[in-house]
Amino acid sequence: MKIENQVSLLPYNSFALPYLAKNLIRIHSEDDVLQVIKQKLHPLRILGGGSNILLTQDIDGFLLKNEIKGLDIVEEDEENVVVEVASGENWHSFVMWTLEQNFGGLENLSLIPGTTGAAPIQNIGAYGIEQKNLFYSLTAIHLERGEKKIFEKDECSFGYRDSIFKNIVKDQYFITAVRYQLKKKNHTITTQYGDIQSQLLSKNITKPNIQDISEAVISIRESKLPDPKKIGNAGSFFKNPVISLEFFKTLLKKHPDIPYYNTDDKNSIKIPAGWMIEKLGFKGMEIDGIGVHKKQALVLVNYGHGKGESIVTLAELIQDTVKENFSIELHPEVNIW
């Protein structure tokens, strides 16, 4: 195990912010995690793909860079397969691998950045699917006791962009592997989002397969979201707020054009945060090297030489303005360090 000092995090965060890690340790195996615990190194932070964090300062302590790799089929029958993926694998590459095997389930989650280890923490989701729909279990190591634990689905408390790893056991575990149960045949195709339907229609696809869905999602995401390699960003900065049906009816009287989505709870409605942000004139705003993307108001960007603190200030201004005008609180989807 090697400790690297004063490492630039510019290549390791999608906002392209040039902060430093005082001590960085590359984790390639469970044994590396156990070595860190044995040496009682503190404080610890875990870095995956760096696509869902906003750095605001240099990182003291010890930063564990997850680089654990590996893919394996651990169970299968005629209909289903359980795939184990190491937590340092790139999520999109993993999804592409499942499609190459004709394993269905994750196609709507194509082109989501980050590592597989971050997927259950954030309970990533897009276009009608969340990773919890396919989640089977995960393996994690307690960062103080060094104990290995298998978390089953019902232990993870998955919610909208939420899990037990974001609250009750936050920063207590290092996830080393995740398992998903996928379909080998008789795939269920999810196309209820209008963007997917429009994309398929444009290609005259009436009976899409899982590869068609993936290609449609990739096209949509590429058209709406800026490439982090060209413009620093972390994708959607805010969660779409979920409000009560009663409050939504009141809101609809003031804003009859407000779009909305139904949720699993018939008494709750999801409101697109990007619509509110755009409605309030933030879309395309640029100041001091940062701003709100011109094509997608939900995406905050670093145009080149911005600072993390400036992005936080802009985010807080957006939150305050939305609350003032819509009486709705926006919560960041991005983790602020």
C-alpha atoms as a PDB file:
ATOM      1  CA  MET A   1       0.000   0.000   0.000  1.00  0.00           C
ATOM      2  CA  LYS A   2       1.453   3.334  -1.089  1.00  0.00           C
ATOM      3  CA  ILE A   3       0.513   6.764   0.228  1.00  0.00           C
ATOM      4  CA  GLU A   4       0.841   9.569  -2.344  1.00  0.00           C
ATOM      5  CA  ASN A   5       1.184  13.130  -1.035  1.00  0.00           C
ATOM      6  CA  GLN A   6      -0.209  16.440  -2.292  1.00  0.00           C
ATOM      7  CA  VAL A   7      -2.014  14.854  -5.242  1.00  0.00           C
ATOM      8  CA  SER A   8      -3.966  17.093  -7.603  1.00  0.00           C
ATOM      9  CA  LEU A   9      -7.614  16.072  -7.775  1.00  0.00           C
ATOM     10  CA  LEU A  10      -8.158  17.874 -11.081  1.00  0.00           C
ATOM     11  CA  PRO A  11      -8.331  14.571 -13.043  1.00  0.00           C
ATOM     12  CA  TYR A  12     -10.519  12.948 -10.390  1.00  0.00           C
ATOM     13  CA  ASN A  13     -13.541  15.246 -10.178  1.00  0.00           C
ATOM     14  CA  SER A  14     -15.911  15.989 -13.053  1.00  0.00           C
ATOM     15  CA  PHE A  15     -16.260  19.667 -12.035  1.00  0.00           C
ATOM     16  CA  ALA A  16     -12.549  19.932 -12.957  1.00  0.00           C
ATOM     17  CA  LEU A  17     -11.621  21.785  -9.776  1.00  0.00           C
ATOM     18  CA  PRO A  18      -7.875  21.848  -8.970  1.00  0.00           C
ATOM     19  CA  TYR A  19      -7.886  21.043  -5.247  1.00  0.00           C
ATOM     20  CA  LEU A  20      -5.335  18.735  -3.597  1.00  0.00           C
ATOM     21  CA  ALA A  21      -5.496  15.544  -1.558  1.00  0.00           C
ATOM     22  CA  LYS A  22      -2.965  15.717   1.262  1.00  0.00           C
ATOM     23  CA  ASN A  23      -2.710  11.905   1.250  1.00  0.00           C
ATOM     24  CA  LEU A  24      -4.123   9.635  -1.451  1.00  0.00           C
ATOM     25  CA  ILE A  25      -4.219   5.825  -1.300  1.00  0.00           C
ATOM     26  CA  ARG A  26      -5.255   3.790  -4.341  1.00  0.00           C
ATOM     27  CA  ILE A  27      -7.425   0.856  -3.285  1.00  0.00           C
ATOM     28  CA  HIS A  28      -7.142  -2.198  -5.548  1.00  0.00           C
ATOM     29  CA  SER A  29      -8.530  -4.916  -3.260  1.00  0.00           C
ATOM     30  CA  GLU A  30     -10.264  -5.731   0.008  1.00  0.00           C
ATOM     31  CA  ASP A  31      -6.805  -6.350   1.485  1.00  0.00           C
ATOM     32  CA  ASP A  32      -5.868  -2.726   0.767  1.00  0.00           C
ATOM     33  CA  VAL A  33      -8.919  -1.567   2.738  1.00  0.00           C
ATOM     34  CA  LEU A  34      -7.986  -3.842   5.630  1.00  0.00           C
ATOM     35  CA  GLN A  35      -4.399  -2.482   5.590  1.00  0.00           C
ATOM     36  CA  VAL A  36      -5.728   1.068   5.950  1.00  0.00           C
ATOM     37  CA  ILE A  37      -7.865  -0.014   8.906  1.00  0.00           C
ATOM     38  CA  LYS A  38      -4.994  -1.946  10.487  1.00  0.00           C
ATOM     39  CA  GLN A  39      -2.753   1.134  10.355  1.00  0.00           C
ATOM     40  CA  LYS A  40      -5.522   3.220  11.963  1.00  0.00           C
ATOM     41  CA  LEU A  41      -5.297   5.977   9.361  1.00  0.00           C
ATOM     42  CA  HIS A  42      -7.783   8.781  10.025  1.00  0.00           C
ATOM     43  CA  PRO A  43      -9.789  10.664   8.930  1.00  0.00           C
ATOM     44  CA  LEU A  44     -10.836   8.743   5.816  1.00  0.00           C
ATOM     45  CA  ARG A  45     -12.768   9.774   2.713  1.00  0.00           C
ATOM     46  CA  ILE A  46     -13.690   7.560  -0.223  1.00  0.00           C
ATOM     47  CA  LEU A  47     -13.457   8.735  -3.828  1.00  0.00           C
ATOM     48  CA  GLY A  48     -15.019   6.801  -6.674  1.00  0.00           C
ATOM     49  CA  GLY A  49     -15.381   8.343 -10.117  1.00  0.00           C
ATOM     50  CA  GLY A  50     -15.605  11.886  -8.738  1.00  0.00           C
ATOM     51  CA  SER A  51     -18.717  12.547 -10.837  1.00  0.00           C
ATOM     52  CA  ASN A  52     -21.051  13.367  -7.972  1.00  0.00           C
ATOM     53  CA  ILE A  53     -18.931  15.601  -5.762  1.00  0.00           C
ATOM     54  CA  LEU A  54     -18.258  19.316  -5.568  1.00  0.00           C
ATOM     55  CA  LEU A  55     -14.875  20.126  -4.044  1.00  0.00           C
ATOM     56  CA  THR A  56     -14.614  23.380  -2.121  1.00  0.00           C
ATOM     57  CA  GLN A  57     -11.206  22.907  -0.480  1.00  0.00           C
ATOM     58  CA  ASP A  58      -8.114  20.703  -0.293  1.00  0.00           C
ATOM     59  CA  ILE A  59      -8.775  17.309   1.310  1.00  0.00           C
ATOM     60  CA  ASP A  60      -6.937  16.625   4.566  1.00  0.00           C
ATOM     61  CA  GLY A  61      -6.600  13.190   6.108  1.00  0.00           C
ATOM     62  CA  PHE A  62      -6.500  10.154   3.807  1.00  0.00           C
ATOM     63  CA  LEU A  63      -8.433   9.908   0.556  1.00  0.00           C
ATOM     64  CA  LEU A  64      -9.122   6.335  -0.565  1.00  0.00           C
ATOM     65  CA  LYS A  65      -9.344   6.199  -4.371  1.00  0.00           C
ATOM     66  CA  ASN A  66     -11.470   3.181  -5.298  1.00  0.00           C
ATOM     67  CA  GLU A  67      -9.816   1.260  -8.137  1.00  0.00           C
ATOM     68  CA  ILE A  68     -11.102  -2.273  -7.390  1.00  0.00           C
ATOM     69  CA  LYS A  69     -11.887  -4.081 -10.662  1.00  0.00           C
ATOM     70  CA  GLY A  70     -13.681  -7.282 -11.644  1.00  0.00           C
ATOM     71  CA  LEU A  71     -16.865  -8.810 -13.090  1.00  0.00           C
ATOM     72  CA  ASP A  72     -18.295 -12.231 -12.383  1.00  0.00           C
ATOM     73  CA  ILE A  73     -21.493 -14.262 -12.788  1.00  0.00           C
ATOM     74  CA  VAL A  74     -22.323 -15.733  -9.383  1.00  0.00           C
ATOM     75  CA  GLU A  75     -25.745 -17.311  -9.987  1.00  0.00           C
ATOM     76  CA  GLU A  76     -27.910 -18.109 -12.988  1.00  0.00           C
ATOM     77  CA  ASP A  77     -30.803 -20.165 -14.256  1.00  0.00           C
ATOM     78  CA  GLU A  78     -32.746 -20.180 -17.523  1.00  0.00           C
ATOM     79  CA  GLU A  79     -34.421 -16.819 -16.841  1.00  0.00           C
ATOM     80  CA  ASN A  80     -32.190 -14.855 -14.480  1.00  0.00           C
ATOM     81  CA  VAL A  81     -28.563 -14.122 -13.742  1.00  0.00           C
ATOM     82  CA  VAL A  82     -26.869 -12.536 -10.727  1.00  0.00           C
ATOM     83  CA  VAL A  83     -23.806 -10.538 -11.702  1.00  0.00           C
ATOM     84  CA  GLU A  84     -21.178  -9.335  -9.205  1.00  0.00           C
ATOM     85  CA  VAL A  85     -19.284  -6.195 -10.165  1.00  0.00           C
ATOM     86  CA  ALA A  86     -16.343  -4.721  -8.259  1.00  0.00           C
ATOM     87  CA  SER A  87     -17.058  -1.300  -6.831  1.00  0.00           C
ATOM     88  CA  GLY A  88     -14.290   0.493  -8.721  1.00  0.00           C
ATOM     89  CA  GLU A  89     -15.626  -0.463 -12.147  1.00  0.00           C
ATOM     90  CA  ASN A  90     -17.047   2.302 -14.322  1.00  0.00           C
ATOM     91  CA  TRP A  91     -20.858   2.164 -14.196  1.00  0.00           C
ATOM     92  CA  HIS A  92     -21.502   2.818 -17.897  1.00  0.00           C
ATOM     93  CA  SER A  93     -18.892   0.256 -18.936  1.00  0.00           C
ATOM     94  CA  PHE A  94     -20.603  -2.256 -16.660  1.00  0.00           C
ATOM     95  CA  VAL A  95     -23.999  -1.515 -18.233  1.00  0.00           C
ATOM     96  CA  MET A  96     -22.506  -1.935 -21.715  1.00  0.00           C
ATOM     97  CA  TRP A  97     -21.068  -5.310 -20.650  1.00  0.00           C
ATOM     98  CA  THR A  98     -24.497  -6.502 -19.434  1.00  0.00           C
ATOM     99  CA  LEU A  99     -26.013  -5.542 -22.785  1.00  0.00           C
ATOM    100  CA  GLU A 100     -23.294  -7.415 -24.665  1.00  0.00           C
ATOM    101  CA  GLN A 101     -24.340 -10.524 -22.712  1.00  0.00           C
ATOM    102  CA  ASN A 102     -28.012  -9.717 -23.492  1.00  0.00           C
ATOM    103  CA  PHE A 103     -28.723  -9.316 -19.763  1.00  0.00           C
ATOM    104  CA  GLY A 104     -31.691  -6.969 -19.373  1.00  0.00           C
ATOM    105  CA  GLY A 105     -32.588  -4.494 -16.651  1.00  0.00           C
ATOM    106  CA  LEU A 106     -29.973  -1.741 -16.562  1.00  0.00           C
ATOM    107  CA  GLU A 107     -30.400  -0.350 -20.088  1.00  0.00           C
ATOM    108  CA  ASN A 108     -32.288   2.774 -18.920  1.00  0.00           C
ATOM    109  CA  LEU A 109     -29.298   3.620 -16.710  1.00  0.00           C
ATOM    110  CA  SER A 110     -26.836   3.871 -19.608  1.00  0.00           C
ATOM    111  CA  LEU A 111     -24.286   6.702 -19.651  1.00  0.00           C
ATOM    112  CA  ILE A 112     -24.678   7.586 -15.973  1.00  0.00           C
ATOM    113  CA  PRO A 113     -21.173   8.587 -14.838  1.00  0.00           C
ATOM    114  CA  GLY A 114     -19.341   7.249 -11.809  1.00  0.00           C
ATOM    115  CA  THR A 115     -18.381   3.903 -10.312  1.00  0.00           C
ATOM    116  CA  THR A 116     -20.609   0.955  -9.493  1.00  0.00           C
ATOM    117  CA  GLY A 117     -19.811   1.342  -5.804  1.00  0.00           C
ATOM    118  CA  ALA A 118     -21.501   4.733  -5.788  1.00  0.00           C
ATOM    119  CA  ALA A 119     -24.651   3.450  -7.532  1.00  0.00           C
ATOM    120  CA  PRO A 120     -26.339   1.939  -4.437  1.00  0.00           C
ATOM    121  CA  ILE A 121     -25.210   4.792  -2.184  1.00  0.00           C
ATOM    122  CA  GLN A 122     -26.970   7.312  -4.393  1.00  0.00           C
ATOM    123  CA  ASN A 123     -29.613   4.846  -5.604  1.00  0.00           C
ATOM    124  CA  ILE A 124     -29.035   6.199  -9.088  1.00  0.00           C
ATOM    125  CA  GLY A 125     -31.987   6.330 -11.441  1.00  0.00           C
ATOM    126  CA  ALA A 126     -33.128   7.604 -14.822  1.00  0.00           C
ATOM    127  CA  TYR A 127     -36.005   7.231 -17.284  1.00  0.00           C
ATOM    128  CA  GLY A 128     -38.310   5.201 -15.063  1.00  0.00           C
ATOM    129  CA  ILE A 129     -35.722   2.866 -13.488  1.00  0.00           C
ATOM    130  CA  GLU A 130     -33.689   3.009 -10.267  1.00  0.00           C
ATOM    131  CA  GLN A 131     -30.794   0.705  -9.496  1.00  0.00           C
ATOM    132  CA  LYS A 132     -32.794  -0.645  -6.542  1.00  0.00           C
ATOM    133  CA  ASN A 133     -35.140  -2.353  -9.045  1.00  0.00           C
ATOM    134  CA  LEU A 134     -32.308  -4.726 -10.042  1.00  0.00           C
ATOM    135  CA  PHE A 135     -30.221  -4.646  -6.864  1.00  0.00           C
ATOM    136  CA  TYR A 136     -29.502  -8.017  -5.227  1.00  0.00           C
ATOM    137  CA  SER A 137     -26.894  -7.366  -2.507  1.00  0.00           C
ATOM    138  CA  LEU A 138     -23.519  -5.750  -1.817  1.00  0.00           C
ATOM    139  CA  THR A 139     -20.384  -6.432   0.169  1.00  0.00           C
ATOM    140  CA  ALA A 140     -18.847  -3.747   2.372  1.00  0.00           C
ATOM    141  CA  ILE A 141     -16.100  -3.461   4.993  1.00  0.00           C
ATOM    142  CA  HIS A 142     -16.591  -1.468   8.185  1.00  0.00           C
ATOM    143  CA  LEU A 143     -13.902   1.221   8.252  1.00  0.00           C
ATOM    144  CA  GLU A 144     -13.203   0.925  11.976  1.00  0.00           C
ATOM    145  CA  ARG A 145     -13.883  -2.687  12.888  1.00  0.00           C
ATOM    146  CA  GLY A 146     -12.665  -4.198   9.605  1.00  0.00           C
ATOM    147  CA  GLU A 147     -15.688  -6.503   9.534  1.00  0.00           C
ATOM    148  CA  LYS A 148     -17.065  -7.632   6.176  1.00  0.00           C
ATOM    149  CA  LYS A 149     -20.848  -7.438   5.831  1.00  0.00           C
ATOM    150  CA  ILE A 150     -23.330  -8.460   3.133  1.00  0.00           C
ATOM    151  CA  PHE A 151     -26.144  -5.924   2.794  1.00  0.00           C
ATOM    152  CA  GLU A 152     -29.330  -7.422   1.345  1.00  0.00           C
ATOM    153  CA  LYS A 153     -31.780  -5.197  -0.511  1.00  0.00           C
ATOM    154  CA  ASP A 154     -34.155  -4.711   2.419  1.00  0.00           C
ATOM    155  CA  GLU A 155     -31.256  -3.564   4.617  1.00  0.00           C
ATOM    156  CA  CYS A 156     -30.277  -0.697   2.322  1.00  0.00           C
ATOM    157  CA  SER A 157     -33.339   1.540   2.874  1.00  0.00           C
ATOM    158  CA  PHE A 158     -33.369   2.685  -0.737  1.00  0.00           C
ATOM    159  CA  GLY A 159     -35.308   5.876  -1.444  1.00  0.00           C
ATOM    160  CA  TYR A 160     -35.282   8.581  -4.086  1.00  0.00           C
ATOM    161  CA  ARG A 161     -31.524   9.215  -4.583  1.00  0.00           C
ATOM    162  CA  ASP A 162     -31.068   7.894  -1.077  1.00  0.00           C
ATOM    163  CA  SER A 163     -29.937   4.862   0.915  1.00  0.00           C
ATOM    164  CA  ILE A 164     -28.743   3.854   4.363  1.00  0.00           C
ATOM    165  CA  PHE A 165     -25.223   4.733   3.190  1.00  0.00           C
ATOM    166  CA  LYS A 166     -26.155   8.414   2.911  1.00  0.00           C
ATOM    167  CA  ASN A 167     -27.536   8.709   6.433  1.00  0.00           C
ATOM    168  CA  ILE A 168     -27.552   6.037   9.172  1.00  0.00           C
ATOM    169  CA  VAL A 169     -24.198   4.429   8.251  1.00  0.00           C
ATOM    170  CA  LYS A 170     -22.751   7.326   6.271  1.00  0.00           C
ATOM    171  CA  ASP A 171     -18.948   7.118   5.901  1.00  0.00           C
ATOM    172  CA  GLN A 172     -18.841   3.923   7.984  1.00  0.00           C
ATOM    173  CA  TYR A 173     -18.379   1.381   5.180  1.00  0.00           C
ATOM    174  CA  PHE A 174     -16.229   0.854   2.101  1.00  0.00           C
ATOM    175  CA  ILE A 175     -18.337  -0.940  -0.534  1.00  0.00           C
ATOM    176  CA  THR A 176     -16.195  -3.482  -2.396  1.00  0.00           C
ATOM    177  CA  ALA A 177     -18.680  -5.286  -4.669  1.00  0.00           C
ATOM    178  CA  VAL A 178     -22.297  -4.983  -5.805  1.00  0.00           C
ATOM    179  CA  ARG A 179     -24.604  -7.673  -7.202  1.00  0.00           C
ATOM    180  CA  TYR A 180     -27.527  -7.223  -9.585  1.00  0.00           C
ATOM    181  CA  GLN A 181     -30.144  -9.717 -10.682  1.00  0.00           C
ATOM    182  CA  LEU A 182     -30.820  -9.318 -14.396  1.00  0.00           C
ATOM    183  CA  LYS A 183     -32.989 -11.055 -17.010  1.00  0.00           C
ATOM    184  CA  LYS A 184     -31.506 -13.411 -19.588  1.00  0.00           C
ATOM    185  CA  LYS A 185     -34.704 -13.483 -21.662  1.00  0.00           C
ATOM    186  CA  ASN A 186     -38.286 -12.188 -21.630  1.00  0.00           C
ATOM    187  CA  HIS A 187     -36.917  -8.700 -20.995  1.00  0.00           C
ATOM    188  CA  THR A 188     -39.164  -6.030 -19.532  1.00  0.00           C
ATOM    189  CA  ILE A 189     -38.873  -2.861 -21.613  1.00  0.00           C
ATOM    190  CA  THR A 190     -39.478   0.485 -19.869  1.00  0.00           C
ATOM    191  CA  THR A 191     -40.401   3.280 -22.292  1.00  0.00           C
ATOM    192  CA  GLN A 192     -42.954   5.407 -20.460  1.00  0.00           C
ATOM    193  CA  TYR A 193     -40.808   8.545 -20.589  1.00  0.00           C
ATOM    194  CA  GLY A 194     -41.764  10.690 -23.554  1.00  0.00           C
ATOM    195  CA  ASP A 195     -38.162  11.392 -24.534  1.00  0.00           C
ATOM    196  CA  ILE A 196     -37.498   7.675 -25.030  1.00  0.00           C
ATOM    197  CA  GLN A 197     -40.675   7.235 -27.037  1.00  0.00           C
ATOM    198  CA  SER A 198     -39.784  10.197 -29.259  1.00  0.00           C
ATOM    199  CA  GLN A 199     -36.264   8.870 -29.807  1.00  0.00           C
ATOM    200  CA  LEU A 200     -37.558   5.426 -30.791  1.00  0.00           C
ATOM    201  CA  LEU A 201     -40.196   6.960 -33.061  1.00  0.00           C
ATOM    202  CA  SER A 202     -37.532   8.994 -34.864  1.00  0.00           C
ATOM    203  CA  LYS A 203     -35.789   5.724 -35.725  1.00  0.00           C
ATOM    204  CA  ASN A 204     -39.055   3.934 -36.660  1.00  0.00           C
ATOM    205  CA  ILE A 205     -38.542   1.410 -33.853  1.00  0.00           C
ATOM    206  CA  THR A 206     -41.895   0.013 -32.724  1.00  0.00           C
ATOM    207  CA  LYS A 207     -40.705  -3.108 -30.903  1.00  0.00           C
ATOM    208  CA  PRO A 208     -37.527  -2.013 -29.087  1.00  0.00           C
ATOM    209  CA  ASN A 209     -35.078  -4.395 -27.475  1.00  0.00           C
ATOM    210  CA  ILE A 210     -32.776  -3.567 -24.559  1.00  0.00           C
ATOM    211  CA  GLN A 211     -30.033  -2.369 -26.905  1.00  0.00           C
ATOM    212  CA  ASP A 212     -32.493   0.033 -28.593  1.00  0.00           C
ATOM    213  CA  ILE A 213     -33.459   1.470 -25.204  1.00  0.00           C
ATOM    214  CA  SER A 214     -29.827   1.952 -24.229  1.00  0.00           C
ATOM    215  CA  GLU A 215     -29.014   3.719 -27.496  1.00  0.00           C
ATOM    216  CA  ALA A 216     -32.055   5.979 -27.083  1.00  0.00           C
ATOM    217  CA  VAL A 217     -31.045   6.909 -23.523  1.00  0.00           C
ATOM    218  CA  ILE A 218     -27.466   7.614 -24.592  1.00  0.00           C
ATOM    219  CA  SER A 219     -28.672   9.892 -27.413  1.00  0.00           C
ATOM    220  CA  ILE A 220     -30.976  11.782 -25.053  1.00  0.00           C
ATOM    221  CA  ARG A 221     -28.324  12.253 -22.376  1.00  0.00           C
ATOM    222  CA  GLU A 222     -25.713  13.370 -24.908  1.00  0.00           C
ATOM    223  CA  SER A 223     -28.131  15.947 -26.347  1.00  0.00           C
ATOM    224  CA  LYS A 224     -29.151  17.380 -22.967  1.00  0.00           C
ATOM    225  CA  LEU A 225     -26.120  17.097 -20.705  1.00  0.00           C
ATOM    226  CA  PRO A 226     -22.696  18.689 -21.210  1.00  0.00           C
ATOM    227  CA  ASP A 227     -19.684  16.410 -21.561  1.00  0.00           C
ATOM    228  CA  PRO A 228     -17.569  16.783 -18.362  1.00  0.00           C
ATOM    229  CA  LYS A 229     -14.456  16.391 -20.532  1.00  0.00           C
ATOM    230  CA  LYS A 230     -15.380  19.694 -22.199  1.00  0.00           C
ATOM    231  CA  ILE A 231     -17.303  21.579 -19.490  1.00  0.00           C
ATOM    232  CA  GLY A 232     -16.876  20.802 -15.792  1.00  0.00           C
ATOM    233  CA  ASN A 233     -20.120  19.537 -14.245  1.00  0.00           C
ATOM    234  CA  ALA A 234     -21.608  16.765 -12.121  1.00  0.00           C
ATOM    235  CA  GLY A 235     -24.824  16.246 -14.054  1.00  0.00           C
ATOM    236  CA  SER A 236     -28.059  17.081 -12.235  1.00  0.00           C
ATOM    237  CA  PHE A 237     -27.097  19.235  -9.272  1.00  0.00           C
ATOM    238  CA  PHE A 238     -30.446  19.115  -7.458  1.00  0.00           C
ATOM    239  CA  LYS A 239     -32.930  16.359  -6.724  1.00  0.00           C
ATOM    240  CA  ASN A 240     -36.388  16.721  -8.224  1.00  0.00           C
ATOM    241  CA  PRO A 241     -38.531  17.625  -5.194  1.00  0.00           C
ATOM    242  CA  VAL A 242     -41.404  15.395  -4.118  1.00  0.00           C
ATOM    243  CA  ILE A 243     -44.366  17.274  -2.672  1.00  0.00           C
ATOM    244  CA  SER A 244     -47.771  16.320  -1.310  1.00  0.00           C
ATOM    245  CA  LEU A 245     -50.688  16.012  -3.703  1.00  0.00           C
ATOM    246  CA  GLU A 246     -52.581  18.592  -1.627  1.00  0.00           C
ATOM    247  CA  PHE A 247     -49.802  21.165  -1.959  1.00  0.00           C
ATOM    248  CA  PHE A 248     -49.445  20.380  -5.659  1.00  0.00           C
ATOM    249  CA  LYS A 249     -53.107  21.274  -6.230  1.00  0.00           C
ATOM    250  CA  THR A 250     -52.497  24.654  -4.561  1.00  0.00           C
ATOM    251  CA  LEU A 251     -49.344  25.168  -6.636  1.00  0.00           C
ATOM    252  CA  LEU A 252     -51.194  24.304  -9.837  1.00  0.00           C
ATOM    253  CA  LYS A 253     -53.597  27.207  -9.306  1.00  0.00           C
ATOM    254  CA  LYS A 254     -50.681  29.665  -9.274  1.00  0.00           C
ATOM    255  CA  HIS A 255     -48.675  27.884 -11.984  1.00  0.00           C
ATOM    256  CA  PRO A 256     -51.074  26.003 -14.306  1.00  0.00           C
ATOM    257  CA  ASP A 257     -48.232  25.137 -16.698  1.00  0.00           C
ATOM    258  CA  ILE A 258     -46.076  23.359 -14.116  1.00  0.00           C
ATOM    259  CA  PRO A 259     -45.025  19.870 -15.282  1.00  0.00           C
ATOM    260  CA  TYR A 260     -45.122  16.941 -12.877  1.00  0.00           C
ATOM    261  CA  TYR A 261     -44.614  13.198 -12.506  1.00  0.00           C
ATOM    262  CA  ASN A 262     -46.603  10.696 -10.504  1.00  0.00           C
ATOM    263  CA  THR A 263     -44.751   8.671  -7.872  1.00  0.00           C
ATOM    264  CA  ASP A 264     -45.275   5.271  -6.279  1.00  0.00           C
ATOM    265  CA  ASP A 265     -47.138   7.116  -3.520  1.00  0.00           C
ATOM    266  CA  LYS A 266     -50.505   8.291  -4.848  1.00  0.00           C
ATOM    267  CA  ASN A 267     -50.428  11.156  -2.319  1.00  0.00           C
ATOM    268  CA  SER A 268     -47.131  12.561  -3.638  1.00  0.00           C
ATOM    269  CA  ILE A 269     -46.082  14.344  -6.826  1.00  0.00           C
ATOM    270  CA  LYS A 270     -42.579  14.900  -8.234  1.00  0.00           C
ATOM    271  CA  ILE A 271     -41.808  18.339  -9.685  1.00  0.00           C
ATOM    272  CA  PRO A 272     -38.935  18.888 -12.177  1.00  0.00           C
ATOM    273  CA  ALA A 273     -36.423  21.132 -10.423  1.00  0.00           C
ATOM    274  CA  GLY A 274     -34.993  22.181 -13.781  1.00  0.00           C
ATOM    275  CA  TRP A 275     -38.333  23.641 -14.858  1.00  0.00           C
ATOM    276  CA  MET A 276     -38.506  25.890 -11.785  1.00  0.00           C
ATOM    277  CA  ILE A 277     -34.884  26.977 -12.184  1.00  0.00           C
ATOM    278  CA  GLU A 278     -35.456  27.834 -15.846  1.00  0.00           C
ATOM    279  CA  LYS A 279     -38.732  29.600 -15.050  1.00  0.00           C
ATOM    280  CA  LEU A 280     -36.851  31.888 -12.660  1.00  0.00           C
ATOM    281  CA  GLY A 281     -34.359  32.942 -15.345  1.00  0.00           C
ATOM    282  CA  PHE A 282     -31.249  31.056 -14.213  1.00  0.00           C
ATOM    283  CA  LYS A 283     -30.819  28.937 -17.345  1.00  0.00           C
ATOM    284  CA  GLY A 284     -27.708  30.036 -19.246  1.00  0.00           C
ATOM    285  CA  MET A 285     -26.496  32.350 -16.447  1.00  0.00           C
ATOM    286  CA  GLU A 286     -22.713  32.740 -16.320  1.00  0.00           C
ATOM    287  CA  ILE A 287     -20.634  34.616 -13.749  1.00  0.00           C
ATOM    288  CA  ASP A 288     -17.012  34.369 -12.578  1.00  0.00           C
ATOM    289  CA  GLY A 289     -16.317  31.257 -14.637  1.00  0.00           C
ATOM    290  CA  ILE A 290     -19.317  29.258 -13.410  1.00  0.00           C
ATOM    291  CA  GLY A 291     -22.973  29.147 -14.315  1.00  0.00           C
ATOM    292  CA  VAL A 292     -26.142  27.252 -15.190  1.00  0.00           C
ATOM    293  CA  HIS A 293     -25.934  25.263 -18.406  1.00  0.00           C
ATOM    294  CA  LYS A 294     -27.659  26.816 -21.404  1.00  0.00           C
ATOM    295  CA  LYS A 295     -29.411  23.574 -22.411  1.00  0.00           C
ATOM    296  CA  GLN A 296     -30.271  22.090 -19.012  1.00  0.00           C
ATOM    297  CA  ALA A 297     -31.074  24.308 -16.039  1.00  0.00           C
ATOM    298  CA  LEU A 298     -30.568  21.450 -13.592  1.00  0.00           C
ATOM    299  CA  VAL A 299     -26.846  21.358 -14.397  1.00  0.00           C
ATOM    300  CA  LEU A 300     -24.402  23.770 -12.746  1.00  0.00           C
ATOM    301  CA  VAL A 301     -21.116  24.131 -14.597  1.00  0.00           C
ATOM    302  CA  ASN A 302     -17.514  25.225 -14.253  1.00  0.00           C
ATOM    303  CA  TYR A 303     -16.555  26.910 -17.524  1.00  0.00           C
ATOM    304  CA  GLY A 304     -12.858  26.778 -16.825  1.00  0.00           C
ATOM    305  CA  HIS A 305     -11.476  28.632 -13.842  1.00  0.00           C
ATOM    306  CA  GLY A 306     -14.370  28.679 -11.392  1.00  0.00           C
ATOM    307  CA  LYS A 307     -14.134  27.869  -7.687  1.00  0.00           C
ATOM    308  CA  GLY A 308     -16.098  25.328  -5.695  1.00  0.00           C
ATOM    309  CA  GLU A 309     -17.196  27.985  -3.219  1.00  0.00           C
ATOM    310  CA  SER A 310     -18.655  30.055  -6.078  1.00  0.00           C
ATOM    311  CA  ILE A 311     -20.725  27.084  -7.266  1.00  0.00           C
ATOM    312  CA  VAL A 312     -22.025  26.608  -3.724  1.00  0.00           C
ATOM    313  CA  THR A 313     -22.998  30.289  -3.589  1.00  0.00           C
ATOM    314  CA  LEU A 314     -24.868  29.994  -6.903  1.00  0.00           C
ATOM    315  CA  ALA A 315     -26.612  26.815  -5.712  1.00  0.00           C
ATOM    316  CA  GLU A 316     -27.745  28.575  -2.531  1.00  0.00           C
ATOM    317  CA  LEU A 317     -29.069  31.522  -4.546  1.00  0.00           C
ATOM    318  CA  ILE A 318     -31.096  29.131  -6.696  1.00  0.00           C
ATOM    319  CA  GLN A 319     -32.418  27.326  -3.613  1.00  0.00           C
ATOM    320  CA  ASP A 320     -33.470  30.588  -1.951  1.00  0.00           C
ATOM    321  CA  THR A 321     -35.154  31.906  -5.102  1.00  0.00           C
ATOM    322  CA  VAL A 322     -37.070  28.676  -5.713  1.00  0.00           C
ATOM    323  CA  LYS A 323     -38.261  28.608  -2.114  1.00  0.00           C
ATOM    324  CA  GLU A 324     -39.336  32.249  -2.294  1.00  0.00           C
ATOM    325  CA  ASN A 325     -41.313  31.764  -5.509  1.00  0.00           C
ATOM    326  CA  PHE A 326     -42.616  28.202  -5.222  1.00  0.00           C
ATOM    327  CA  SER A 327     -42.405  27.450  -1.465  1.00  0.00           C
ATOM    328  CA  ILE A 328     -40.370  24.350  -2.352  1.00  0.00           C
ATOM    329  CA  GLU A 329     -36.978  23.425  -0.924  1.00  0.00           C
ATOM    330  CA  LEU A 330     -34.401  22.070  -3.353  1.00  0.00           C
ATOM    331  CA  HIS A 331     -31.812  19.630  -2.042  1.00  0.00           C
ATOM    332  CA  PRO A 332     -28.480  18.951  -3.745  1.00  0.00           C
ATOM    333  CA  GLU A 333     -28.003  15.588  -5.409  1.00  0.00           C
ATOM    334  CA  VAL A 334     -24.271  16.351  -5.515  1.00  0.00           C
ATOM    335  CA  ASN A 335     -22.125  15.765  -2.420  1.00  0.00           C
ATOM    336  CA  ILE A 336     -20.358  18.936  -1.310  1.00  0.00           C
ATOM    337  CA  TRP A 337     -16.891  18.438   0.214  1.00  0.00           C
END
